[in-house]
Amino acid sequence: MYLKKELKVFFILLSLILYFQTLNAIENRILFKIDNEIVTTLDIYEEIKFLKAFNPEVNTLAEKELFEISKNSIQKNIIKKIELNKFVEELKVNDKFLLKLIVNKYPKIGIDSLEEFEAFLKKKNLDVKLIKEKFYIELIWNDYIYQKFYNKVIVDREKIKKEILSNPKQENQRELLLSEINFGATSKIDFEDKYKKILSDLEKIGFQKTAMIYSNSETASNGGLIGWVKEDNLNLTIKKIISNLKIGQVSKPIRTTSGFIILKIEDEKEYSASLNINEKIEEIVKFKTNDQLSQFSNMYFNKIKKNLIINEL
């Protein structure tokens, strides 16, 4: 009995030694620099822990794929942070906005308060301050894009009204649960190369994981999930392309102002079109405004990324 206890203690101590040796090895290795920001393997390690906590499906990914997803996520975060630090004194927002983002973005976790959020992070052995900053950057970036580009958004209310009036009112219409992969291309060859890789990974690892690896949209961290969208709110080009898709099917790349988008129908349901015409106009205006702001966000991000020096070490 005593021997068993000694062996148990020995294995616990051995596990702790190996764990801290791993951490020390991680801390000592620099991977790349973005301007003056250094990223180490420890940062990658922490990012992987974050991804696994908030997106459990990544647990089945290979180490190489996890590394790429984590590296891309950290790069996006640092690039946005560098840009935002030029315009804001502190990367912090009101707690109620932070909670709203977490609840909307990760509903499966079931977090209803900041206390639950912090308890969840501690349970997953995540740095509370570090994760909060990650969400702060996302919120402040979205507000920054809104302030910078809202006046450039073009939505024709009269055209929307005419389109609504020209279509016979249907009692039941489709609402789609959509996911996306957004990607850019500098040439036809670049496009074909990226699309070939995306198609290959869609076949091997599925849409969610492929979105995490290749998509440059804000939805990438959540497996590309956009959420429920009313089909009649979509622009005519996208509506026409996905009208023949069934649940589980994926569209071909659709050209947008910031690159290309691939859509997947995760699920669908019918809804009753009970809104009056003015409410419907406002609903479509809001959807189109958010869509254009998302395109502006992608374009602006790509622009500032080109002006930064990223050195792989």
Foldseek 3Di string as FASTA:
>chain_A
DVVVVVVVVVVVVVVVVVVVVVVVVQVPAWFKDWFPDTDTSNQLVLQLLVLCLQPVLCVPPDPVLSSLLSVVLVVLQVLLVVVVVVPDVDLDDDQVVLQVCCCVLRVVVPDDHVVVVVVSCVVSVHDPVVVRSSSSSVVVLLVVLCVVCVVVQDDDLVVVLVVVVVDDADFKFKKFFKFKAFAAAPDPVRVVVVVVVLVVCCVVRNQQSSSSNHGPFPCNSVSRTPGIGTLVLDDPVVSVQCVPPDAQDKTDWDQDPQHTMIMHGPDMDMDGPPDDSVVVSVVSVVVSSVVVSRSSSNNVSVVSSVVIDMGGD
